[in-house]
């Protein structure tokens, strides 16, 4: 689990996570990330749990992420 909740992480910062190919769980709760971060998150194919509570991610963004990561449980 990578816990980035309640930090100052940005959409641009999420780009650095693409290299964590084995990451299974990620919390971005309480951050300012938006749909712009989801392109980077969708590259994390081993992700099983993603916490997006309290972010600026839209329903449309989550829908697209579900398509890219169908086995990932996304918490909102």
PDB file of N, CA and C in Angstrom:
ATOM      1  N   UNK A   1       0.859  -1.179   0.000  1.00  0.00           N
ATOM      2  CA  UNK A   1       0.000   0.000   0.000  1.00  0.00           C
ATOM      3  C   UNK A   1       0.895   1.230   0.000  1.00  0.00           C
ATOM      4  N   UNK A   2       0.646   2.093  -0.947  1.00  0.00           N
ATOM      5  CA  UNK A   2       1.312   3.396  -0.975  1.00  0.00           C
ATOM      6  C   UNK A   2       0.289   4.412  -0.500  1.00  0.00           C
ATOM      7  N   UNK A   3       0.574   5.049   0.616  1.00  0.00           N
ATOM      8  CA  UNK A   3      -0.342   5.993   1.251  1.00  0.00           C
ATOM      9  C   UNK A   3       0.102   7.418   0.950  1.00  0.00           C
ATOM     10  N   UNK A   4      -0.613   8.071   0.039  1.00  0.00           N
ATOM     11  CA  UNK A   4      -0.331   9.457  -0.297  1.00  0.00           C
ATOM     12  C   UNK A   4      -1.477  10.371   0.116  1.00  0.00           C
ATOM     13  N   UNK A   5      -2.422   9.819   0.873  1.00  0.00           N
ATOM     14  CA  UNK A   5      -3.573  10.586   1.320  1.00  0.00           C
ATOM     15  C   UNK A   5      -3.162  11.794   2.136  1.00  0.00           C
ATOM     16  N   UNK A   6      -3.913  12.884   1.958  1.00  0.00           N
ATOM     17  CA  UNK A   6      -3.703  14.142   2.677  1.00  0.00           C
ATOM     18  C   UNK A   6      -2.299  14.704   2.488  1.00  0.00           C
ATOM     19  N   UNK A   7      -1.730  14.506   1.317  1.00  0.00           N
ATOM     20  CA  UNK A   7      -0.438  15.103   0.983  1.00  0.00           C
ATOM     21  C   UNK A   7      -0.646  16.148  -0.104  1.00  0.00           C
ATOM     22  N   UNK A   8       0.420  16.764  -0.528  1.00  0.00           N
ATOM     23  CA  UNK A   8       0.363  17.791  -1.561  1.00  0.00           C
ATOM     24  C   UNK A   8       0.611  17.214  -2.954  1.00  0.00           C
ATOM     25  N   UNK A   9       0.461  15.895  -3.119  1.00  0.00           N
ATOM     26  CA  UNK A   9       0.707  15.266  -4.414  1.00  0.00           C
ATOM     27  C   UNK A   9      -0.207  15.873  -5.476  1.00  0.00           C
ATOM     28  N   UNK A  10       0.338  16.017  -6.673  1.00  0.00           N
ATOM     29  CA  UNK A  10      -0.407  16.605  -7.792  1.00  0.00           C
ATOM     30  C   UNK A  10      -0.542  15.587  -8.916  1.00  0.00           C
ATOM     31  N   UNK A  11      -1.304  15.953  -9.928  1.00  0.00           N
ATOM     32  CA  UNK A  11      -1.430  15.098 -11.108  1.00  0.00           C
ATOM     33  C   UNK A  11      -0.050  14.813 -11.694  1.00  0.00           C
ATOM     34  N   UNK A  12       0.794  15.833 -11.763  1.00  0.00           N
ATOM     35  CA  UNK A  12       2.138  15.656 -12.318  1.00  0.00           C
ATOM     36  C   UNK A  12       2.971  14.708 -11.447  1.00  0.00           C
ATOM     37  N   UNK A  13       2.787  14.763 -10.161  1.00  0.00           N
ATOM     38  CA  UNK A  13       3.518  13.876  -9.262  1.00  0.00           C
ATOM     39  C   UNK A  13       3.127  12.423  -9.434  1.00  0.00           C
ATOM     40  N   UNK A  14       1.883  12.184  -9.789  1.00  0.00           N
ATOM     41  CA  UNK A  14       1.403  10.819  -9.988  1.00  0.00           C
ATOM     42  C   UNK A  14       2.115  10.166 -11.169  1.00  0.00           C
ATOM     43  N   UNK A  15       2.600  10.942 -12.091  1.00  0.00           N
ATOM     44  CA  UNK A  15       3.316  10.395 -13.255  1.00  0.00           C
ATOM     45  C   UNK A  15       4.510   9.557 -12.824  1.00  0.00           C
ATOM     46  N   UNK A  16       5.120   9.892 -11.708  1.00  0.00           N
ATOM     47  CA  UNK A  16       6.289   9.151 -11.222  1.00  0.00           C
ATOM     48  C   UNK A  16       5.926   7.748 -10.709  1.00  0.00           C
ATOM     49  N   UNK A  17       4.659   7.506 -10.459  1.00  0.00           N
ATOM     50  CA  UNK A  17       4.225   6.198  -9.957  1.00  0.00           C
ATOM     51  C   UNK A  17       4.163   5.141 -11.059  1.00  0.00           C
ATOM     52  N   UNK A  18       4.184   5.560 -12.300  1.00  0.00           N
ATOM     53  CA  UNK A  18       4.075   4.616 -13.423  1.00  0.00           C
ATOM     54  C   UNK A  18       5.120   3.520 -13.359  1.00  0.00           C
ATOM     55  N   UNK A  19       6.235   3.789 -12.717  1.00  0.00           N
ATOM     56  CA  UNK A  19       7.322   2.820 -12.629  1.00  0.00           C
ATOM     57  C   UNK A  19       7.083   1.753 -11.562  1.00  0.00           C
ATOM     58  N   UNK A  20       6.079   1.940 -10.724  1.00  0.00           N
ATOM     59  CA  UNK A  20       5.778   0.990  -9.652  1.00  0.00           C
ATOM     60  C   UNK A  20       4.844  -0.098 -10.178  1.00  0.00           C
ATOM     61  N   UNK A  21       5.345  -0.909 -11.046  1.00  0.00           N
ATOM     62  CA  UNK A  21       4.539  -1.916 -11.761  1.00  0.00           C
ATOM     63  C   UNK A  21       3.870  -2.946 -10.847  1.00  0.00           C
ATOM     64  N   UNK A  22       4.413  -3.187  -9.669  1.00  0.00           N
ATOM     65  CA  UNK A  22       3.867  -4.200  -8.764  1.00  0.00           C
ATOM     66  C   UNK A  22       2.952  -3.623  -7.690  1.00  0.00           C
ATOM     67  N   UNK A  23       2.667  -2.329  -7.737  1.00  0.00           N
ATOM     68  CA  UNK A  23       1.844  -1.678  -6.721  1.00  0.00           C
ATOM     69  C   UNK A  23       0.439  -2.267  -6.719  1.00  0.00           C
ATOM     70  N   UNK A  24      -0.021  -2.683  -5.552  1.00  0.00           N
ATOM     71  CA  UNK A  24      -1.338  -3.323  -5.437  1.00  0.00           C
ATOM     72  C   UNK A  24      -2.401  -2.402  -4.847  1.00  0.00           C
ATOM     73  N   UNK A  25      -1.992  -1.457  -3.993  1.00  0.00           N
ATOM     74  CA  UNK A  25      -2.966  -0.567  -3.350  1.00  0.00           C
ATOM     75  C   UNK A  25      -2.390   0.844  -3.276  1.00  0.00           C
ATOM     76  N   UNK A  26      -3.251   1.830  -3.543  1.00  0.00           N
ATOM     77  CA  UNK A  26      -2.832   3.220  -3.568  1.00  0.00           C
ATOM     78  C   UNK A  26      -3.933   4.081  -2.969  1.00  0.00           C
ATOM     79  N   UNK A  27      -3.550   4.930  -2.024  1.00  0.00           N
ATOM     80  CA  UNK A  27      -4.497   5.882  -1.452  1.00  0.00           C
ATOM     81  C   UNK A  27      -4.105   7.290  -1.854  1.00  0.00           C
ATOM     82  N   UNK A  28      -5.048   7.962  -2.495  1.00  0.00           N
ATOM     83  CA  UNK A  28      -4.884   9.362  -2.873  1.00  0.00           C
ATOM     84  C   UNK A  28      -5.943  10.214  -2.178  1.00  0.00           C
ATOM     85  N   UNK A  29      -6.557   9.684  -1.143  1.00  0.00           N
ATOM     86  CA  UNK A  29      -7.660  10.378  -0.477  1.00  0.00           C
ATOM     87  C   UNK A  29      -7.211  11.724   0.081  1.00  0.00           C
ATOM     88  N   UNK A  30      -8.093  12.696  -0.054  1.00  0.00           N
ATOM     89  CA  UNK A  30      -7.834  14.016   0.483  1.00  0.00           C
ATOM     90  C   UNK A  30      -6.773  14.811  -0.260  1.00  0.00           C
ATOM     91  N   UNK A  31      -6.451  14.406  -1.478  1.00  0.00           N
ATOM     92  CA  UNK A  31      -5.474  15.146  -2.280  1.00  0.00           C
ATOM     93  C   UNK A  31      -6.199  15.973  -3.330  1.00  0.00           C
ATOM     94  N   UNK A  32      -5.449  16.757  -4.068  1.00  0.00           N
ATOM     95  CA  UNK A  32      -6.018  17.613  -5.102  1.00  0.00           C
ATOM     96  C   UNK A  32      -5.947  16.982  -6.493  1.00  0.00           C
ATOM     97  N   UNK A  33      -5.732  15.660  -6.569  1.00  0.00           N
ATOM     98  CA  UNK A  33      -5.635  15.032  -7.885  1.00  0.00           C
ATOM     99  C   UNK A  33      -6.971  15.127  -8.620  1.00  0.00           C
ATOM    100  N   UNK A  34      -6.866  15.147  -9.948  1.00  0.00           N
ATOM    101  CA  UNK A  34      -8.036  15.282 -10.823  1.00  0.00           C
ATOM    102  C   UNK A  34      -8.014  14.139 -11.839  1.00  0.00           C
ATOM    103  N   UNK A  35      -8.900  14.204 -12.779  1.00  0.00           N
ATOM    104  CA  UNK A  35      -8.934  13.207 -13.856  1.00  0.00           C
ATOM    105  C   UNK A  35      -7.602  13.150 -14.608  1.00  0.00           C
ATOM    106  N   UNK A  36      -6.851  14.234 -14.579  1.00  0.00           N
ATOM    107  CA  UNK A  36      -5.559  14.265 -15.247  1.00  0.00           C
ATOM    108  C   UNK A  36      -4.572  13.246 -14.712  1.00  0.00           C
ATOM    109  N   UNK A  37      -4.725  12.845 -13.475  1.00  0.00           N
ATOM    110  CA  UNK A  37      -3.829  11.853 -12.870  1.00  0.00           C
ATOM    111  C   UNK A  37      -4.175  10.435 -13.303  1.00  0.00           C
ATOM    112  N   UNK A  38      -5.376  10.233 -13.789  1.00  0.00           N
ATOM    113  CA  UNK A  38      -5.855   8.873 -14.044  1.00  0.00           C
ATOM    114  C   UNK A  38      -5.156   8.186 -15.204  1.00  0.00           C
ATOM    115  N   UNK A  39      -4.645   8.936 -16.146  1.00  0.00           N
ATOM    116  CA  UNK A  39      -3.883   8.324 -17.243  1.00  0.00           C
ATOM    117  C   UNK A  39      -2.643   7.634 -16.682  1.00  0.00           C
ATOM    118  N   UNK A  40      -2.044   8.227 -15.671  1.00  0.00           N
ATOM    119  CA  UNK A  40      -0.867   7.636 -15.041  1.00  0.00           C
ATOM    120  C   UNK A  40      -1.269   6.440 -14.168  1.00  0.00           C
ATOM    121  N   UNK A  41      -2.362   6.580 -13.445  1.00  0.00           N
ATOM    122  CA  UNK A  41      -2.838   5.495 -12.580  1.00  0.00           C
ATOM    123  C   UNK A  41      -3.225   4.285 -13.413  1.00  0.00           C
ATOM    124  N   UNK A  42      -3.807   4.506 -14.571  1.00  0.00           N
ATOM    125  CA  UNK A  42      -4.250   3.379 -15.411  1.00  0.00           C
ATOM    126  C   UNK A  42      -3.087   2.518 -15.898  1.00  0.00           C
ATOM    127  N   UNK A  43      -1.875   3.030 -15.819  1.00  0.00           N
ATOM    128  CA  UNK A  43      -0.698   2.241 -16.207  1.00  0.00           C
ATOM    129  C   UNK A  43      -0.302   1.240 -15.116  1.00  0.00           C
ATOM    130  N   UNK A  44      -0.899   1.359 -13.945  1.00  0.00           N
ATOM    131  CA  UNK A  44      -0.577   0.472 -12.815  1.00  0.00           C
ATOM    132  C   UNK A  44      -1.461  -0.778 -12.894  1.00  0.00           C
ATOM    133  N   UNK A  45      -1.152  -1.647 -13.808  1.00  0.00           N
ATOM    134  CA  UNK A  45      -1.999  -2.812 -14.124  1.00  0.00           C
ATOM    135  C   UNK A  45      -2.185  -3.791 -12.970  1.00  0.00           C
ATOM    136  N   UNK A  46      -1.293  -3.795 -11.978  1.00  0.00           N
ATOM    137  CA  UNK A  46      -1.436  -4.726 -10.853  1.00  0.00           C
ATOM    138  C   UNK A  46      -2.261  -4.127  -9.715  1.00  0.00           C
ATOM    139  N   UNK A  47      -2.743  -2.887  -9.879  1.00  0.00           N
ATOM    140  CA  UNK A  47      -3.489  -2.205  -8.832  1.00  0.00           C
ATOM    141  C   UNK A  47      -4.802  -2.928  -8.549  1.00  0.00           C
ATOM    142  N   UNK A  48      -5.031  -3.219  -7.270  1.00  0.00           N
ATOM    143  CA  UNK A  48      -6.251  -3.913  -6.840  1.00  0.00           C
ATOM    144  C   UNK A  48      -7.195  -3.004  -6.063  1.00  0.00           C
ATOM    145  N   UNK A  49      -6.637  -1.993  -5.372  1.00  0.00           N
ATOM    146  CA  UNK A  49      -7.438  -1.066  -4.569  1.00  0.00           C
ATOM    147  C   UNK A  49      -6.923   0.347  -4.798  1.00  0.00           C
ATOM    148  N   UNK A  50      -7.851   1.261  -5.048  1.00  0.00           N
ATOM    149  CA  UNK A  50      -7.509   2.666  -5.241  1.00  0.00           C
ATOM    150  C   UNK A  50      -8.495   3.511  -4.449  1.00  0.00           C
ATOM    151  N   UNK A  51      -7.980   4.319  -3.531  1.00  0.00           N
ATOM    152  CA  UNK A  51      -8.834   5.189  -2.721  1.00  0.00           C
ATOM    153  C   UNK A  51      -8.771   6.604  -3.271  1.00  0.00           C
ATOM    154  N   UNK A  52      -9.887   7.066  -3.794  1.00  0.00           N
ATOM    155  CA  UNK A  52     -10.000   8.404  -4.359  1.00  0.00           C
ATOM    156  C   UNK A  52     -10.958   9.289  -3.562  1.00  0.00           C
ATOM    157  N   UNK A  53     -11.270   8.923  -2.322  1.00  0.00           N
ATOM    158  CA  UNK A  53     -12.203   9.718  -1.529  1.00  0.00           C
ATOM    159  C   UNK A  53     -11.633  11.112  -1.288  1.00  0.00           C
ATOM    160  N   UNK A  54     -12.485  12.099  -1.438  1.00  0.00           N
ATOM    161  CA  UNK A  54     -12.085  13.471  -1.182  1.00  0.00           C
ATOM    162  C   UNK A  54     -11.162  14.067  -2.231  1.00  0.00           C
ATOM    163  N   UNK A  55     -11.160  13.516  -3.434  1.00  0.00           N
ATOM    164  CA  UNK A  55     -10.352  14.076  -4.521  1.00  0.00           C
ATOM    165  C   UNK A  55     -11.265  14.826  -5.485  1.00  0.00           C
ATOM    166  N   UNK A  56     -10.675  15.386  -6.525  1.00  0.00           N
ATOM    167  CA  UNK A  56     -11.444  16.105  -7.538  1.00  0.00           C
ATOM    168  C   UNK A  56     -11.705  15.243  -8.773  1.00  0.00           C
ATOM    169  N   UNK A  57     -11.535  13.946  -8.646  1.00  0.00           N
ATOM    170  CA  UNK A  57     -11.784  13.020  -9.756  1.00  0.00           C
ATOM    171  C   UNK A  57     -13.289  12.937 -10.000  1.00  0.00           C
ATOM    172  N   UNK A  58     -13.681  13.012 -11.251  1.00  0.00           N
ATOM    173  CA  UNK A  58     -15.098  13.001 -11.622  1.00  0.00           C
ATOM    174  C   UNK A  58     -15.609  11.573 -11.836  1.00  0.00           C
ATOM    175  N   UNK A  59     -16.925  11.450 -11.918  1.00  0.00           N
ATOM    176  CA  UNK A  59     -17.545  10.159 -12.218  1.00  0.00           C
ATOM    177  C   UNK A  59     -17.071   9.642 -13.571  1.00  0.00           C
ATOM    178  N   UNK A  60     -16.939  10.543 -14.535  1.00  0.00           N
ATOM    179  CA  UNK A  60     -16.479  10.154 -15.869  1.00  0.00           C
ATOM    180  C   UNK A  60     -15.051   9.608 -15.802  1.00  0.00           C
ATOM    181  N   UNK A  61     -14.224  10.232 -14.987  1.00  0.00           N
ATOM    182  CA  UNK A  61     -12.854   9.761 -14.814  1.00  0.00           C
ATOM    183  C   UNK A  61     -12.810   8.367 -14.213  1.00  0.00           C
ATOM    184  N   UNK A  62     -13.653   8.126 -13.224  1.00  0.00           N
ATOM    185  CA  UNK A  62     -13.713   6.808 -12.581  1.00  0.00           C
ATOM    186  C   UNK A  62     -14.215   5.770 -13.575  1.00  0.00           C
ATOM    187  N   UNK A  63     -15.198   6.137 -14.387  1.00  0.00           N
ATOM    188  CA  UNK A  63     -15.720   5.207 -15.404  1.00  0.00           C
ATOM    189  C   UNK A  63     -14.603   4.768 -16.353  1.00  0.00           C
ATOM    190  N   UNK A  64     -13.825   5.713 -16.825  1.00  0.00           N
ATOM    191  CA  UNK A  64     -12.710   5.382 -17.718  1.00  0.00           C
ATOM    192  C   UNK A  64     -11.668   4.520 -17.022  1.00  0.00           C
ATOM    193  N   UNK A  65     -11.442   4.784 -15.751  1.00  0.00           N
ATOM    194  CA  UNK A  65     -10.471   3.994 -14.992  1.00  0.00           C
ATOM    195  C   UNK A  65     -10.961   2.567 -14.798  1.00  0.00           C
ATOM    196  N   UNK A  66     -12.261   2.399 -14.579  1.00  0.00           N
ATOM    197  CA  UNK A  66     -12.836   1.054 -14.473  1.00  0.00           C
ATOM    198  C   UNK A  66     -12.593   0.251 -15.749  1.00  0.00           C
ATOM    199  N   UNK A  67     -12.655   0.911 -16.871  1.00  0.00           N
ATOM    200  CA  UNK A  67     -12.412   0.227 -18.141  1.00  0.00           C
ATOM    201  C   UNK A  67     -10.955  -0.168 -18.276  1.00  0.00           C
ATOM    202  N   UNK A  68     -10.056   0.685 -17.817  1.00  0.00           N
ATOM    203  CA  UNK A  68      -8.614   0.398 -17.921  1.00  0.00           C
ATOM    204  C   UNK A  68      -8.146  -0.614 -16.885  1.00  0.00           C
ATOM    205  N   UNK A  69      -8.768  -0.588 -15.701  1.00  0.00           N
ATOM    206  CA  UNK A  69      -8.380  -1.472 -14.593  1.00  0.00           C
ATOM    207  C   UNK A  69      -9.619  -2.197 -14.058  1.00  0.00           C
ATOM    208  N   UNK A  70     -10.162  -3.131 -14.823  1.00  0.00           N
ATOM    209  CA  UNK A  70     -11.433  -3.753 -14.438  1.00  0.00           C
ATOM    210  C   UNK A  70     -11.374  -4.545 -13.136  1.00  0.00           C
ATOM    211  N   UNK A  71     -10.212  -4.962 -12.694  1.00  0.00           N
ATOM    212  CA  UNK A  71     -10.109  -5.745 -11.466  1.00  0.00           C
ATOM    213  C   UNK A  71      -9.761  -4.900 -10.241  1.00  0.00           C
ATOM    214  N   UNK A  72      -9.752  -3.596 -10.405  1.00  0.00           N
ATOM    215  CA  UNK A  72      -9.391  -2.698  -9.317  1.00  0.00           C
ATOM    216  C   UNK A  72     -10.660  -2.196  -8.615  1.00  0.00           C
ATOM    217  N   UNK A  73     -10.655  -2.277  -7.276  1.00  0.00           N
ATOM    218  CA  UNK A  73     -11.761  -1.725  -6.491  1.00  0.00           C
ATOM    219  C   UNK A  73     -11.444  -0.249  -6.232  1.00  0.00           C
ATOM    220  N   UNK A  74     -12.305   0.627  -6.700  1.00  0.00           N
ATOM    221  CA  UNK A  74     -12.097   2.056  -6.563  1.00  0.00           C
ATOM    222  C   UNK A  74     -13.035   2.593  -5.501  1.00  0.00           C
ATOM    223  N   UNK A  75     -12.456   3.183  -4.462  1.00  0.00           N
ATOM    224  CA  UNK A  75     -13.229   3.758  -3.373  1.00  0.00           C
ATOM    225  C   UNK A  75     -13.381   5.251  -3.603  1.00  0.00           C
ATOM    226  N   UNK A  76     -14.614   5.738  -3.434  1.00  0.00           N
ATOM    227  CA  UNK A  76     -14.883   7.166  -3.648  1.00  0.00           C
ATOM    228  C   UNK A  76     -15.480   7.712  -2.437  1.00  0.00           C
TER     229      UNK A  76
END
